[in-house]
Amino acid sequence: MTKGNRTRAARTSEPTSSATASHGKVSKVPLVTTVLSLLVAATSLVITATNYRHQQKEELLVCLSSPLEGEVYIGRGALPSSSFGGTFYGARSCLMANIGDRPVVVTRIETYVDVRKGYRMTPMQPRRGSLAEPISLKPGEAKRVDVNFNFPIGKEAVDVLEKEKLLNARVDRFAVMTALLRAGIDLQGKPVRRVAEGSGISSYVRVPDSNLFTHCVTVYTAKGEAFGDCMQFNPG
């Protein structure tokens, strides 16, 4: 083979090398497309799973309201703190609203009152918190229930109510407060001052008290979820 022939052979082989490189570039396009498709599918699967979990999750709004008016019960009894002489037994309204997309069935309600650090009073609902009949709530539906509202009261207040024959019996809440105001104290035995406003109208001013109690309620569903609310209040 002459020198000229070798040159032509080398030139002939150059297009073959170029074609191989071009084929490599083209083969990467389907691979990138496949990877992108997998990423899109995975993202869609995650979104679908998240939406499903959200749809299955129960969402219940629980909100305590002011104490109910009407009859209450006050009994004398030994309590952990020497400053207390008895217990106030009342009720408070509790709103339950289903704000989710799934029906909710309430099977148990528990309440307690935090008096101070290390002292909690747990007034259980009837049957250890279990309801006589479960409460069913459709999406968007709301219902009210009465929950126990019990807390300790001062010894001096218990003595006054006993003299007025308002102890160990169901009595009107207004009668209890009237008897205590006449004695110049509140439920905790703290002084209450009467202020005349004219035309036979009077108001009562209590000594500021920073010792607030906290009333909490926890609602349990048939699926084992728990929802609750807490409210601070002046125990006087």
Protein backbone atom coordinates (compact mmCIF):
# COMPACT_ATOMS: atom_id res chain seq x y z
CA MET A 1 0.00 0.00 0.00
CA THR A 2 1.36 3.38 -1.00
CA LYS A 3 1.50 6.44 1.16
CA GLY A 4 -1.41 7.95 -0.74
CA ASN A 5 -3.53 4.90 -0.13
CA ARG A 6 -2.90 5.02 3.62
CA THR A 7 -4.05 8.62 3.69
CA ARG A 8 -7.30 7.80 1.94
CA ALA A 9 -7.95 4.94 4.35
CA ALA A 10 -7.53 7.19 7.36
CA ARG A 11 -9.88 9.74 5.87
CA THR A 12 -12.43 7.03 5.20
CA SER A 13 -12.44 5.96 8.85
CA GLU A 14 -13.13 9.44 10.25
CA PRO A 15 -16.88 9.56 9.46
CA THR A 16 -17.31 6.25 11.31
CA SER A 17 -15.95 7.75 14.56
CA SER A 18 -18.16 10.84 14.18
CA ALA A 19 -21.25 8.75 13.64
CA THR A 20 -20.59 6.81 16.86
CA ALA A 21 -20.39 10.00 18.92
CA SER A 22 -23.61 11.28 17.35
CA HIS A 23 -25.38 8.03 18.21
CA GLY A 24 -24.28 8.40 21.87
CA LYS A 25 -25.83 11.84 22.09
CA VAL A 26 -29.10 10.66 20.63
CA SER A 27 -29.35 7.69 23.03
CA LYS A 28 -29.32 10.00 26.11
CA VAL A 29 -32.62 11.67 25.15
CA PRO A 30 -34.89 8.67 25.90
CA LEU A 31 -33.00 8.11 29.18
CA VAL A 32 -33.63 11.68 30.37
CA THR A 33 -37.27 11.41 29.34
CA THR A 34 -37.65 8.19 31.31
CA VAL A 35 -36.11 9.73 34.45
CA LEU A 36 -38.37 12.77 34.22
CA SER A 37 -41.41 10.53 33.82
CA LEU A 38 -40.44 8.57 36.93
CA LEU A 39 -40.00 11.77 38.93
CA VAL A 40 -43.41 13.04 37.84
CA ALA A 41 -45.02 9.69 38.72
CA ALA A 42 -43.33 9.63 42.15
CA THR A 43 -44.43 13.20 42.90
CA SER A 44 -47.99 12.38 41.87
CA LEU A 45 -47.97 9.31 44.12
CA VAL A 46 -46.78 11.36 47.12
CA ILE A 47 -49.47 14.00 46.53
CA THR A 48 -52.14 11.31 46.22
CA ALA A 49 -51.00 9.63 49.45
CA THR A 50 -50.94 12.97 51.29
CA ASN A 51 -54.46 13.83 50.11
CA TYR A 52 -55.69 10.40 51.14
CA ARG A 53 -54.24 10.73 54.64
CA HIS A 54 -55.79 14.20 54.94
CA GLN A 55 -59.19 12.85 53.90
CA GLN A 56 -58.96 10.01 56.42
CA LYS A 57 -57.86 12.24 59.32
CA GLU A 58 -60.49 13.33 61.83
CA GLU A 59 -60.71 17.04 62.62
CA LEU A 60 -62.77 18.12 65.62
CA LEU A 61 -63.01 21.59 67.13
CA VAL A 62 -63.59 21.54 70.90
CA CYS A 63 -64.44 24.77 72.71
CA LEU A 64 -65.42 25.37 76.36
CA SER A 65 -67.89 28.14 77.21
CA SER A 66 -68.94 29.97 80.38
CA PRO A 67 -70.26 27.96 83.35
CA LEU A 68 -73.92 27.05 83.13
CA GLU A 69 -76.40 28.90 85.28
CA GLY A 70 -78.83 27.00 87.48
CA GLU A 71 -78.30 24.48 90.24
CA VAL A 72 -74.93 23.61 91.73
CA TYR A 73 -73.79 21.36 94.55
CA ILE A 74 -71.24 22.31 97.22
CA GLY A 75 -69.98 19.74 99.67
CA ARG A 76 -67.60 19.85 102.59
CA GLY A 77 -64.63 17.54 102.39
CA ALA A 78 -60.95 17.07 103.19
CA LEU A 79 -58.68 18.28 100.39
CA PRO A 80 -54.89 18.21 99.92
CA SER A 81 -54.55 21.94 100.63
CA SER A 82 -55.37 23.31 104.09
CA SER A 83 -56.85 26.48 102.57
CA PHE A 84 -59.73 24.54 100.98
CA GLY A 85 -62.73 23.20 102.84
CA GLY A 86 -65.00 21.78 100.17
CA THR A 87 -65.76 21.29 96.50
CA PHE A 88 -67.94 23.18 94.03
CA TYR A 89 -69.80 20.85 91.63
CA GLY A 90 -71.17 22.54 88.54
CA ALA A 91 -71.31 22.17 84.78
CA ARG A 92 -69.98 23.96 81.75
CA SER A 93 -71.12 23.83 78.14
CA CYS A 94 -68.71 22.40 75.56
CA LEU A 95 -69.06 22.84 71.81
CA MET A 96 -67.88 20.06 69.49
CA ALA A 97 -67.74 20.83 65.76
CA ASN A 98 -66.64 18.46 62.99
CA ILE A 99 -64.48 20.65 60.73
CA GLY A 100 -63.08 17.75 58.71
CA ASP A 101 -64.25 15.70 55.72
CA ARG A 102 -64.94 12.48 57.63
CA PRO A 103 -67.70 11.57 60.11
CA VAL A 104 -66.58 11.61 63.75
CA VAL A 105 -67.93 9.48 66.60
CA VAL A 106 -67.20 10.73 70.13
CA THR A 107 -67.04 7.90 72.68
CA ARG A 108 -65.46 9.45 75.78
CA ILE A 109 -65.07 12.85 77.48
CA GLU A 110 -62.72 13.64 80.36
CA THR A 111 -62.25 16.89 82.29
CA TYR A 112 -59.92 18.19 84.98
CA VAL A 113 -59.07 21.42 86.79
CA ASP A 114 -55.48 22.48 87.46
CA VAL A 115 -55.61 24.33 90.78
CA ARG A 116 -51.91 24.96 91.11
CA LYS A 117 -48.68 23.20 90.26
CA GLY A 118 -48.88 19.65 91.53
CA TYR A 119 -52.58 19.85 92.42
CA ARG A 120 -55.06 18.65 89.81
CA MET A 121 -58.71 17.84 90.45
CA THR A 122 -60.13 15.30 88.01
CA PRO A 123 -63.93 15.33 87.94
CA MET A 124 -64.61 12.35 85.71
CA GLN A 125 -67.67 12.21 83.53
CA PRO A 126 -70.18 9.40 84.31
CA ARG A 127 -68.92 5.84 83.72
CA ARG A 128 -65.27 6.92 83.81
CA GLY A 129 -65.78 9.33 80.97
CA SER A 130 -67.62 6.92 78.67
CA LEU A 131 -70.82 8.28 77.18
CA ALA A 132 -74.08 6.40 77.58
CA GLU A 133 -74.48 6.77 73.81
CA PRO A 134 -71.72 7.78 71.36
CA ILE A 135 -72.12 11.20 69.79
CA SER A 136 -71.98 11.14 65.99
CA LEU A 137 -70.99 14.25 64.04
CA LYS A 138 -71.26 14.55 60.28
CA PRO A 139 -68.82 16.83 58.42
CA GLY A 140 -69.82 20.41 59.22
CA GLU A 141 -72.08 19.38 62.11
CA ALA A 142 -71.76 20.81 65.65
CA LYS A 143 -73.26 19.77 68.98
CA ARG A 144 -73.11 21.01 72.57
CA VAL A 145 -72.65 18.81 75.63
CA ASP A 146 -72.48 19.59 79.35
CA VAL A 147 -69.23 18.63 81.06
CA ASN A 148 -68.41 18.47 84.77
CA PHE A 149 -66.91 21.63 86.23
CA ASN A 150 -65.61 20.94 89.74
CA PHE A 151 -63.07 22.89 91.79
CA PRO A 152 -62.11 23.42 95.46
CA ILE A 153 -63.45 26.36 97.49
CA GLY A 154 -62.23 28.07 100.66
CA LYS A 155 -62.99 26.92 104.21
CA GLU A 156 -64.55 30.24 105.19
CA ALA A 157 -66.96 30.06 102.24
CA VAL A 158 -67.95 26.52 103.23
CA ASP A 159 -68.70 27.68 106.80
CA VAL A 160 -70.92 30.51 105.55
CA LEU A 161 -72.87 28.23 103.21
CA GLU A 162 -73.34 25.65 105.95
CA LYS A 163 -74.91 28.31 108.21
CA GLU A 164 -77.22 29.30 105.35
CA LYS A 165 -78.18 25.64 104.83
CA LEU A 166 -76.77 25.73 101.32
CA LEU A 167 -74.27 22.92 101.85
CA ASN A 168 -74.54 19.28 100.76
CA ALA A 169 -77.60 19.94 98.63
CA ARG A 170 -78.40 21.03 95.11
CA VAL A 171 -79.04 24.77 95.32
CA ASP A 172 -79.44 27.70 92.99
CA ARG A 173 -76.11 29.26 91.99
CA PHE A 174 -77.55 32.74 92.55
CA ALA A 175 -78.49 31.84 96.14
CA VAL A 176 -74.91 30.72 96.81
CA MET A 177 -73.40 33.94 95.50
CA THR A 178 -75.96 36.08 97.37
CA ALA A 179 -75.14 34.41 100.69
CA LEU A 180 -71.42 34.87 100.18
CA LEU A 181 -71.76 38.52 99.14
CA ARG A 182 -73.74 39.26 102.29
CA ALA A 183 -70.85 37.79 104.24
CA GLY A 184 -68.39 39.92 102.25
CA ILE A 185 -66.41 37.04 100.72
CA ASP A 186 -66.22 35.03 97.51
CA LEU A 187 -65.98 31.26 96.96
CA GLN A 188 -62.33 31.27 97.99
CA GLY A 189 -62.98 33.26 101.16
CA LYS A 190 -61.36 36.39 99.72
CA PRO A 191 -62.84 39.78 100.73
CA VAL A 192 -65.50 41.33 98.51
CA ARG A 193 -66.27 45.05 98.86
CA ARG A 194 -69.68 46.54 98.15
CA VAL A 195 -69.74 49.76 96.14
CA ALA A 196 -72.92 51.86 96.08
CA GLU A 197 -73.71 53.38 92.67
CA GLY A 198 -76.86 55.31 93.58
CA SER A 199 -80.60 54.68 93.11
CA GLY A 200 -80.34 51.57 95.26
CA ILE A 201 -77.90 49.91 92.87
CA SER A 202 -74.71 48.38 94.18
CA SER A 203 -71.80 46.50 92.70
CA TYR A 204 -69.18 44.30 94.28
CA VAL A 205 -65.43 44.53 93.85
CA ARG A 206 -63.14 41.62 94.61
CA VAL A 207 -59.54 41.83 95.67
CA PRO A 208 -57.38 41.11 92.60
CA ASP A 209 -56.22 37.49 92.64
CA SER A 210 -53.56 36.21 90.27
CA ASN A 211 -54.19 32.57 91.22
CA LEU A 212 -56.32 31.44 88.31
CA PHE A 213 -57.51 27.86 87.90
CA THR A 214 -57.47 26.08 84.52
CA HIS A 215 -60.36 23.92 83.34
CA CYS A 216 -59.57 21.45 80.54
CA VAL A 217 -61.65 18.98 78.56
CA THR A 218 -60.44 16.13 76.34
CA VAL A 219 -62.70 14.44 73.81
CA TYR A 220 -61.87 10.96 72.47
CA THR A 221 -63.18 9.47 69.23
CA ALA A 222 -63.89 5.89 68.18
CA LYS A 223 -60.67 5.92 66.13
CA GLY A 224 -58.59 6.81 69.18
CA GLU A 225 -58.02 10.47 68.29
CA ALA A 226 -58.04 13.05 71.09
CA PHE A 227 -59.09 16.71 70.88
CA GLY A 228 -59.36 19.25 73.67
CA ASP A 229 -59.58 22.78 74.99
CA CYS A 230 -58.53 24.61 78.19
CA MET A 231 -59.83 27.79 79.80
CA GLN A 232 -58.50 29.79 82.73
CA PHE A 233 -61.01 31.18 85.22
CA ASN A 234 -61.21 33.06 88.48
CA PRO A 235 -62.36 30.54 91.12
CA GLY A 236 -63.96 33.22 93.28
